[in-house]
Amino acid sequence: MVNEAFGWIWFVMGMGSGALLGLGFAREGFLGGYGSWARRMLRLGHISFFGLGLINILFALAVARIDAPDVWVTAASWALIVGGVTMPLTCALSAWRKPMRNLFPVPVLSLLLGASITAFGLTAPVVAGGGAS
């Protein structure tokens, strides 16, 4: 499943981005200092690689149990990937130019869609009275 491979690639990206950020972490004024907007946005993007990689791996593990039409499962799959790509990208763009923060609804809504379809698909048998499997 594409989400599983994507998740592992995103773990590697998280490690790589962390290594790059780590090159300057000891310098007090690196990227404007620890509390600066740019440095906070880049740290958020770095950690989002791990979190969204994990969410995609968990989706891949759960996909066989999602009780929803294939088109919805496919939509959830791609929504989680789009959210995974656009979140660190939006963080980096926001670090570069603060007004780019207005792009955050793209990854947030994409991830919300993917997670909602997954959650409803996993709970549909329970809600319908079929019990947990």
C-alpha atoms as a PDB file:
ATOM      1  CA  MET A   1       0.000   0.000   0.000  1.00  0.00           C
ATOM      2  CA  VAL A   2       1.270   3.422  -0.966  1.00  0.00           C
ATOM      3  CA  ASN A   3       0.548   4.942   2.469  1.00  0.00           C
ATOM      4  CA  GLU A   4       2.914   2.530   4.210  1.00  0.00           C
ATOM      5  CA  ALA A   5       5.817   3.336   1.866  1.00  0.00           C
ATOM      6  CA  PHE A   6       4.960   7.036   2.104  1.00  0.00           C
ATOM      7  CA  GLY A   7       5.036   6.831   5.911  1.00  0.00           C
ATOM      8  CA  TRP A   8       8.494   5.273   5.975  1.00  0.00           C
ATOM      9  CA  ILE A   9       9.801   7.788   3.442  1.00  0.00           C
ATOM     10  CA  TRP A  10       8.397  10.542   5.671  1.00  0.00           C
ATOM     11  CA  PHE A  11      10.296   9.089   8.657  1.00  0.00           C
ATOM     12  CA  VAL A  12      13.492   9.382   6.615  1.00  0.00           C
ATOM     13  CA  MET A  13      12.539  12.950   5.660  1.00  0.00           C
ATOM     14  CA  GLY A  14      11.991  13.739   9.342  1.00  0.00           C
ATOM     15  CA  MET A  15      15.428  12.434  10.197  1.00  0.00           C
ATOM     16  CA  GLY A  16      17.009  14.339   7.327  1.00  0.00           C
ATOM     17  CA  SER A  17      15.270  17.605   8.146  1.00  0.00           C
ATOM     18  CA  GLY A  18      16.229  17.161  11.798  1.00  0.00           C
ATOM     19  CA  ALA A  19      19.851  16.634  10.808  1.00  0.00           C
ATOM     20  CA  LEU A  20      19.790  19.808   8.719  1.00  0.00           C
ATOM     21  CA  LEU A  21      18.205  21.838  11.503  1.00  0.00           C
ATOM     22  CA  GLY A  22      20.675  20.292  13.933  1.00  0.00           C
ATOM     23  CA  LEU A  23      23.587  21.817  12.062  1.00  0.00           C
ATOM     24  CA  GLY A  24      22.763  25.204  13.538  1.00  0.00           C
ATOM     25  CA  PHE A  25      20.893  24.463  16.758  1.00  0.00           C
ATOM     26  CA  ALA A  26      23.807  25.353  19.032  1.00  0.00           C
ATOM     27  CA  ARG A  27      24.045  28.905  17.662  1.00  0.00           C
ATOM     28  CA  GLU A  28      21.866  31.180  19.765  1.00  0.00           C
ATOM     29  CA  GLY A  29      20.765  33.344  16.837  1.00  0.00           C
ATOM     30  CA  PHE A  30      20.207  30.458  14.376  1.00  0.00           C
ATOM     31  CA  LEU A  31      17.177  31.331  12.230  1.00  0.00           C
ATOM     32  CA  GLY A  32      16.413  34.296  14.466  1.00  0.00           C
ATOM     33  CA  GLY A  33      16.756  32.493  17.803  1.00  0.00           C
ATOM     34  CA  TYR A  34      14.917  29.593  19.429  1.00  0.00           C
ATOM     35  CA  GLY A  35      11.572  31.379  19.734  1.00  0.00           C
ATOM     36  CA  SER A  36      11.560  33.001  16.298  1.00  0.00           C
ATOM     37  CA  TRP A  37       8.708  32.400  13.871  1.00  0.00           C
ATOM     38  CA  ALA A  38      10.988  30.870  11.239  1.00  0.00           C
ATOM     39  CA  ARG A  39      12.639  28.455  13.627  1.00  0.00           C
ATOM     40  CA  ARG A  40       9.300  27.410  15.182  1.00  0.00           C
ATOM     41  CA  MET A  41       7.781  26.783  11.744  1.00  0.00           C
ATOM     42  CA  LEU A  42      10.751  24.690  10.635  1.00  0.00           C
ATOM     43  CA  ARG A  43      10.630  22.650  13.858  1.00  0.00           C
ATOM     44  CA  LEU A  44       6.895  22.101  13.307  1.00  0.00           C
ATOM     45  CA  GLY A  45       7.565  20.950   9.747  1.00  0.00           C
ATOM     46  CA  HIS A  46      10.318  18.630  10.965  1.00  0.00           C
ATOM     47  CA  ILE A  47       8.122  16.940  13.553  1.00  0.00           C
ATOM     48  CA  SER A  48       5.173  16.767  11.138  1.00  0.00           C
ATOM     49  CA  PHE A  49       7.191  14.382   8.976  1.00  0.00           C
ATOM     50  CA  PHE A  50       7.205  11.883  11.848  1.00  0.00           C
ATOM     51  CA  GLY A  51       3.614  12.356  12.958  1.00  0.00           C
ATOM     52  CA  LEU A  52       2.121  12.235   9.489  1.00  0.00           C
ATOM     53  CA  GLY A  53       4.389   9.375   8.482  1.00  0.00           C
ATOM     54  CA  LEU A  54       3.055   7.418  11.443  1.00  0.00           C
ATOM     55  CA  ILE A  55      -0.551   8.274  10.588  1.00  0.00           C
ATOM     56  CA  ASN A  56      -0.020   6.988   7.046  1.00  0.00           C
ATOM     57  CA  ILE A  57       1.521   3.744   8.335  1.00  0.00           C
ATOM     58  CA  LEU A  58      -1.377   3.271  10.748  1.00  0.00           C
ATOM     59  CA  PHE A  59      -3.819   3.859   7.891  1.00  0.00           C
ATOM     60  CA  ALA A  60      -2.070   1.171   5.834  1.00  0.00           C
ATOM     61  CA  LEU A  61      -2.388  -1.264   8.744  1.00  0.00           C
ATOM     62  CA  ALA A  62      -6.082  -0.468   9.237  1.00  0.00           C
ATOM     63  CA  VAL A  63      -7.217  -0.259   5.624  1.00  0.00           C
ATOM     64  CA  ALA A  64      -8.425  -3.874   5.450  1.00  0.00           C
ATOM     65  CA  ARG A  65     -10.846  -3.207   8.336  1.00  0.00           C
ATOM     66  CA  ILE A  66     -12.353   0.018   6.967  1.00  0.00           C
ATOM     67  CA  ASP A  67     -16.018  -0.612   6.181  1.00  0.00           C
ATOM     68  CA  ALA A  68     -16.536   1.953   3.417  1.00  0.00           C
ATOM     69  CA  PRO A  69     -16.823   1.918  -0.377  1.00  0.00           C
ATOM     70  CA  ASP A  70     -13.484   1.611  -2.178  1.00  0.00           C
ATOM     71  CA  VAL A  71     -13.800   5.138  -3.562  1.00  0.00           C
ATOM     72  CA  TRP A  72     -13.968   6.493   0.000  1.00  0.00           C
ATOM     73  CA  VAL A  73     -11.003   4.412   1.134  1.00  0.00           C
ATOM     74  CA  THR A  74      -9.022   5.668  -1.860  1.00  0.00           C
ATOM     75  CA  ALA A  75     -10.057   9.240  -1.032  1.00  0.00           C
ATOM     76  CA  ALA A  76      -8.897   8.771   2.568  1.00  0.00           C
ATOM     77  CA  SER A  77      -5.596   7.321   1.386  1.00  0.00           C
ATOM     78  CA  TRP A  78      -4.831  10.226  -0.920  1.00  0.00           C
ATOM     79  CA  ALA A  79      -6.123  12.834   1.525  1.00  0.00           C
ATOM     80  CA  LEU A  80      -3.636  11.574   4.134  1.00  0.00           C
ATOM     81  CA  ILE A  81      -0.811  11.695   1.599  1.00  0.00           C
ATOM     82  CA  VAL A  82      -1.760  15.183   0.390  1.00  0.00           C
ATOM     83  CA  GLY A  83      -1.925  16.355   4.003  1.00  0.00           C
ATOM     84  CA  GLY A  84       1.410  14.702   4.707  1.00  0.00           C
ATOM     85  CA  VAL A  85       3.064  16.487   1.798  1.00  0.00           C
ATOM     86  CA  THR A  86       1.453  19.877   2.273  1.00  0.00           C
ATOM     87  CA  MET A  87       1.932  20.209   6.052  1.00  0.00           C
ATOM     88  CA  PRO A  88       5.761  20.345   6.128  1.00  0.00           C
ATOM     89  CA  LEU A  89       5.710  22.294   2.857  1.00  0.00           C
ATOM     90  CA  THR A  90       3.342  24.884   4.338  1.00  0.00           C
ATOM     91  CA  CYS A  91       5.491  25.068   7.473  1.00  0.00           C
ATOM     92  CA  ALA A  92       8.600  25.729   5.370  1.00  0.00           C
ATOM     93  CA  LEU A  93       6.823  28.299   3.189  1.00  0.00           C
ATOM     94  CA  SER A  94       5.484  30.010   6.330  1.00  0.00           C
ATOM     95  CA  ALA A  95       8.997  30.157   7.773  1.00  0.00           C
ATOM     96  CA  TRP A  96      10.169  31.806   4.558  1.00  0.00           C
ATOM     97  CA  ARG A  97       7.225  34.225   4.193  1.00  0.00           C
ATOM     98  CA  LYS A  98       4.840  34.651   7.126  1.00  0.00           C
ATOM     99  CA  PRO A  99       1.718  35.308   4.955  1.00  0.00           C
ATOM    100  CA  MET A 100       2.085  31.766   3.580  1.00  0.00           C
ATOM    101  CA  ARG A 101       0.572  30.622   6.878  1.00  0.00           C
ATOM    102  CA  ASN A 102      -2.760  31.202   5.148  1.00  0.00           C
ATOM    103  CA  LEU A 103      -2.132  27.922   3.299  1.00  0.00           C
ATOM    104  CA  PHE A 104      -2.538  25.861   6.499  1.00  0.00           C
ATOM    105  CA  PRO A 105      -6.208  25.017   5.758  1.00  0.00           C
ATOM    106  CA  VAL A 106      -5.007  22.853   2.842  1.00  0.00           C
ATOM    107  CA  PRO A 107      -3.123  20.262   4.929  1.00  0.00           C
ATOM    108  CA  VAL A 108      -5.488  20.555   7.892  1.00  0.00           C
ATOM    109  CA  LEU A 109      -8.648  19.930   5.863  1.00  0.00           C
ATOM    110  CA  SER A 110      -6.980  17.162   3.867  1.00  0.00           C
ATOM    111  CA  LEU A 111      -5.871  15.370   7.019  1.00  0.00           C
ATOM    112  CA  LEU A 112      -9.235  15.915   8.649  1.00  0.00           C
ATOM    113  CA  LEU A 113     -10.962  14.346   5.639  1.00  0.00           C
ATOM    114  CA  GLY A 114      -8.669  11.320   5.577  1.00  0.00           C
ATOM    115  CA  ALA A 115      -8.879  10.745   9.315  1.00  0.00           C
ATOM    116  CA  SER A 116     -12.663  11.207   9.371  1.00  0.00           C
ATOM    117  CA  ILE A 117     -13.273   8.680   6.604  1.00  0.00           C
ATOM    118  CA  THR A 118     -10.950   6.236   8.370  1.00  0.00           C
ATOM    119  CA  ALA A 119     -12.576   6.741  11.779  1.00  0.00           C
ATOM    120  CA  PHE A 120     -16.110   6.384  10.412  1.00  0.00           C
ATOM    121  CA  GLY A 121     -15.113   3.376   8.333  1.00  0.00           C
ATOM    122  CA  LEU A 122     -13.564   1.652  11.329  1.00  0.00           C
ATOM    123  CA  THR A 123     -16.529   2.395  13.607  1.00  0.00           C
ATOM    124  CA  ALA A 124     -19.313   1.738  11.073  1.00  0.00           C
ATOM    125  CA  PRO A 125     -19.797  -1.945  12.082  1.00  0.00           C
ATOM    126  CA  VAL A 126     -19.895  -0.987  15.765  1.00  0.00           C
ATOM    127  CA  VAL A 127     -22.329   1.886  15.226  1.00  0.00           C
ATOM    128  CA  ALA A 128     -24.572  -0.285  13.016  1.00  0.00           C
ATOM    129  CA  GLY A 129     -24.801  -2.856  15.801  1.00  0.00           C
ATOM    130  CA  GLY A 130     -22.497  -5.383  14.229  1.00  0.00           C
ATOM    131  CA  GLY A 131     -20.121  -5.345  17.178  1.00  0.00           C
ATOM    132  CA  ALA A 132     -16.395  -4.932  17.156  1.00  0.00           C
ATOM    133  CA  SER A 133     -14.357  -7.268  15.012  1.00  0.00           C
END
